[in-house]
């Protein structure tokens, strides 16, 4: 029993980094919001999101201990609106069973759209919930927050068929409330879809 409990606690403490996925804006997190998760040494994450009037490609990589950097390139039907954002995030505290993870970062370092500094905390809760809360300037305009609920795979018929692990997300990004679902096709490959900034979006991401 002690070994099982210890394993569960370790899994809880490590899961945030292991399953980090990029947001539409590039940094690892939920939909628009960054989380305290930071890619581990040797990890990278890449994705593509289809938006109402165009699309965005994102790429993040760990370049040093607790430090990830990334880019998000947006290409719209109106080419004059095209932007490329450079982001960075540093993990200040790792999440444990009892304490939240904490990170600080900056999005759009070159101010192509709106340079934004932030700090954020993330903590796993019982029953598959996870809470994120932070504050920042720029596009965050104060406080932002998100709640995730992970639905574990369950058998749908006799045999080995299962629903994929799915995380339901609701977030407030400082201006709007967004809703989404992140489906793990396989642990590293995720399909995202939902309602963001008053419009539908969908995307696909891979985290090594």
Protein backbone atom coordinates (compact mmCIF):
# COMPACT_ATOMS: atom_id res chain seq x y z
CA UNK A 1 0.00 0.00 0.00
CA UNK A 2 2.82 2.41 0.87
CA UNK A 3 4.49 1.75 -2.48
CA UNK A 4 1.24 2.38 -4.34
CA UNK A 5 0.64 5.63 -2.43
CA UNK A 6 4.22 6.77 -3.04
CA UNK A 7 3.83 6.06 -6.75
CA UNK A 8 0.62 8.05 -6.94
CA UNK A 9 2.21 11.01 -5.18
CA UNK A 10 5.20 10.96 -7.50
CA UNK A 11 2.96 10.78 -10.54
CA UNK A 12 0.98 13.77 -9.28
CA UNK A 13 4.12 15.79 -8.73
CA UNK A 14 5.59 14.98 -12.15
CA UNK A 15 2.50 15.09 -14.34
CA UNK A 16 2.52 18.84 -14.96
CA UNK A 17 5.84 18.82 -16.81
CA UNK A 18 5.25 15.50 -18.52
CA UNK A 19 2.01 16.60 -20.17
CA UNK A 20 2.69 20.28 -20.86
CA UNK A 21 1.17 21.42 -24.16
CA UNK A 22 1.38 24.75 -26.02
CA UNK A 23 -1.37 27.36 -25.98
CA UNK A 24 -2.64 29.24 -29.03
CA UNK A 25 -0.26 32.05 -28.02
CA UNK A 26 2.72 29.71 -27.82
CA UNK A 27 3.66 29.26 -24.15
CA UNK A 28 2.73 25.98 -22.48
CA UNK A 29 -0.63 26.22 -20.73
CA UNK A 30 -4.36 25.98 -21.46
CA UNK A 31 -6.08 27.88 -24.33
CA UNK A 32 -4.84 31.49 -24.12
CA UNK A 33 -3.35 31.32 -20.61
CA UNK A 34 0.13 30.12 -19.66
CA UNK A 35 0.54 27.70 -16.77
CA UNK A 36 3.39 27.19 -14.31
CA UNK A 37 4.44 24.12 -16.31
CA UNK A 38 7.84 24.41 -17.97
CA UNK A 39 9.24 21.96 -20.50
CA UNK A 40 11.89 19.71 -19.02
CA UNK A 41 15.45 19.29 -20.29
CA UNK A 42 15.42 17.89 -23.82
CA UNK A 43 11.70 18.50 -24.34
CA UNK A 44 10.06 20.50 -27.10
CA UNK A 45 6.46 21.18 -28.06
CA UNK A 46 5.01 22.09 -31.46
CA UNK A 47 1.48 22.71 -32.65
CA UNK A 48 -0.87 24.29 -35.14
CA UNK A 49 -4.16 26.05 -34.37
CA UNK A 50 -6.83 26.92 -36.90
CA UNK A 51 -8.59 30.16 -36.06
CA UNK A 52 -11.51 31.98 -37.66
CA UNK A 53 -9.53 34.07 -40.16
CA UNK A 54 -6.25 32.19 -40.36
CA UNK A 55 -3.95 29.98 -38.34
CA UNK A 56 -1.04 29.91 -35.94
CA UNK A 57 1.98 27.66 -35.66
CA UNK A 58 3.77 27.40 -32.30
CA UNK A 59 7.08 25.92 -31.16
CA UNK A 60 8.60 25.78 -27.65
CA UNK A 61 11.84 24.24 -26.45
CA UNK A 62 13.73 23.90 -23.18
CA UNK A 63 17.11 25.62 -23.52
CA UNK A 64 18.32 25.53 -19.90
CA UNK A 65 17.21 24.27 -16.51
CA UNK A 66 13.60 25.42 -15.91
CA UNK A 67 13.70 27.76 -18.92
CA UNK A 68 11.62 27.40 -22.08
CA UNK A 69 11.53 29.75 -25.06
CA UNK A 70 9.24 29.67 -28.03
CA UNK A 71 7.69 31.37 -31.02
CA UNK A 72 4.11 31.70 -32.25
CA UNK A 73 3.61 32.69 -35.87
CA UNK A 74 0.15 33.90 -36.96
CA UNK A 75 -0.85 34.02 -40.62
CA UNK A 76 -4.24 35.51 -41.43
CA UNK A 77 -6.33 35.96 -44.55
CA UNK A 78 -5.45 39.64 -44.23
CA UNK A 79 -1.65 39.39 -44.52
CA UNK A 80 -1.21 42.84 -42.96
CA UNK A 81 -2.21 41.30 -39.62
CA UNK A 82 0.49 38.59 -39.69
CA UNK A 83 2.60 38.52 -36.51
CA UNK A 84 5.41 36.41 -35.02
CA UNK A 85 5.63 36.40 -31.22
CA UNK A 86 8.68 35.38 -29.17
CA UNK A 87 8.00 34.06 -25.66
CA UNK A 88 10.01 32.92 -22.62
CA UNK A 89 9.03 31.30 -19.32
CA UNK A 90 11.09 30.38 -16.25
CA UNK A 91 10.00 27.94 -13.57
CA UNK A 92 10.51 29.42 -10.10
CA UNK A 93 9.08 26.56 -8.03
CA UNK A 94 8.22 22.99 -9.03
CA UNK A 95 4.77 21.68 -8.17
CA UNK A 96 4.65 19.13 -5.35
CA UNK A 97 1.86 17.21 -3.71
CA UNK A 98 1.36 20.00 -1.17
CA UNK A 99 2.56 23.17 -2.92
CA UNK A 100 1.84 24.78 -6.30
CA UNK A 101 4.27 25.27 -9.10
CA UNK A 102 5.16 28.89 -9.83
CA UNK A 103 6.57 30.42 -13.01
CA UNK A 104 7.21 33.87 -14.47
CA UNK A 105 7.41 34.78 -18.11
CA UNK A 106 6.98 37.22 -20.93
CA UNK A 107 5.00 36.90 -24.15
CA UNK A 108 5.72 38.85 -27.32
CA UNK A 109 9.18 40.02 -26.25
CA UNK A 110 9.62 42.09 -29.44
CA UNK A 111 6.22 43.80 -28.96
CA UNK A 112 4.85 42.73 -32.33
CA UNK A 113 1.39 42.83 -30.78
CA UNK A 114 1.56 43.61 -27.03
CA UNK A 115 4.48 42.71 -24.75
CA UNK A 116 3.07 41.05 -21.62
CA UNK A 117 4.83 40.04 -18.39
CA UNK A 118 3.16 37.58 -16.00
CA UNK A 119 3.51 35.29 -12.99
CA UNK A 120 1.37 32.18 -12.56
CA UNK A 121 0.81 29.35 -10.09
CA UNK A 122 -0.57 25.87 -10.89
CA UNK A 123 -1.78 23.17 -8.49
CA UNK A 124 -3.34 19.74 -8.97
CA UNK A 125 -6.45 19.12 -6.83
CA UNK A 126 -8.38 15.95 -5.94
CA UNK A 127 -10.70 14.22 -8.41
CA UNK A 128 -8.75 15.20 -11.54
CA UNK A 129 -9.06 18.98 -11.15
CA UNK A 130 -6.19 21.42 -11.64
CA UNK A 131 -6.25 25.14 -10.86
CA UNK A 132 -4.13 27.89 -12.43
CA UNK A 133 -4.08 31.54 -11.35
CA UNK A 134 -1.84 34.44 -12.23
CA UNK A 135 -1.51 38.13 -12.89
CA UNK A 136 0.18 40.19 -15.54
CA UNK A 137 0.16 43.34 -17.62
CA UNK A 138 -0.33 43.80 -21.35
CA UNK A 139 -2.90 41.42 -22.80
CA UNK A 140 -3.60 39.90 -19.36
CA UNK A 141 -4.71 43.27 -17.97
CA UNK A 142 -4.59 42.04 -14.37
CA UNK A 143 -5.74 38.66 -13.05
CA UNK A 144 -6.19 35.52 -15.17
CA UNK A 145 -7.22 32.01 -14.12
CA UNK A 146 -8.17 28.56 -15.42
CA UNK A 147 -9.70 25.34 -14.14
CA UNK A 148 -9.04 21.96 -15.75
CA UNK A 149 -10.84 18.67 -15.20
CA UNK A 150 -9.21 15.50 -16.54
CA UNK A 151 -11.47 12.60 -17.48
CA UNK A 152 -9.58 9.33 -17.25
CA UNK A 153 -10.07 6.66 -19.92
CA UNK A 154 -13.00 4.34 -19.23
CA UNK A 155 -14.09 1.19 -20.94
CA UNK A 156 -16.93 1.81 -23.39
CA UNK A 157 -17.54 -1.80 -24.37
CA UNK A 158 -16.26 -5.16 -23.29
CA UNK A 159 -12.67 -5.54 -24.34
CA UNK A 160 -9.89 -2.98 -24.58
CA UNK A 161 -11.75 -0.10 -26.25
CA UNK A 162 -11.53 3.11 -24.22
CA UNK A 163 -12.28 6.80 -24.50
CA UNK A 164 -9.02 8.78 -24.80
CA UNK A 165 -7.93 10.82 -21.78
CA UNK A 166 -9.60 14.22 -22.11
CA UNK A 167 -9.06 17.47 -20.24
CA UNK A 168 -11.91 19.98 -20.09
CA UNK A 169 -10.78 23.61 -19.72
CA UNK A 170 -12.47 26.83 -18.71
CA UNK A 171 -10.33 29.96 -18.41
CA UNK A 172 -10.54 33.71 -17.98
CA UNK A 173 -7.66 35.38 -19.85
CA UNK A 174 -8.08 38.86 -18.42
CA UNK A 175 -10.70 39.87 -20.98
CA UNK A 176 -12.83 36.91 -22.08
CA UNK A 177 -13.89 33.48 -20.84
CA UNK A 178 -12.77 30.62 -23.08
CA UNK A 179 -13.81 26.96 -23.14
CA UNK A 180 -12.03 23.96 -24.63
CA UNK A 181 -11.20 20.28 -24.56
CA UNK A 182 -7.76 18.69 -24.96
CA UNK A 183 -7.87 15.06 -26.09
CA UNK A 184 -4.80 12.82 -25.80
CA UNK A 185 -4.73 10.76 -28.99
CA UNK A 186 -1.56 9.29 -27.55
CA UNK A 187 0.23 10.75 -24.48
CA UNK A 188 2.42 13.05 -26.61
CA UNK A 189 -0.13 13.98 -29.30
CA UNK A 190 -3.12 16.11 -28.37
CA UNK A 191 -6.16 17.41 -30.22
CA UNK A 192 -7.63 20.70 -29.01
CA UNK A 193 -10.98 22.30 -29.82
CA UNK A 194 -13.25 24.86 -28.24
CA UNK A 195 -14.45 28.45 -28.07
CA UNK A 196 -11.86 31.22 -27.79
CA UNK A 197 -12.26 34.99 -28.05
CA UNK A 198 -15.88 34.54 -29.19
CA UNK A 199 -14.97 32.16 -32.03
CA UNK A 200 -14.33 28.46 -32.54
CA UNK A 201 -10.80 27.06 -32.80
CA UNK A 202 -9.15 23.67 -33.15
CA UNK A 203 -5.58 22.48 -33.16
CA UNK A 204 -3.08 19.66 -32.91
CA UNK A 205 0.06 19.63 -30.76
CA UNK A 206 2.95 17.31 -29.99
CA UNK A 207 5.13 17.38 -26.86
CA UNK A 208 8.26 15.23 -26.87
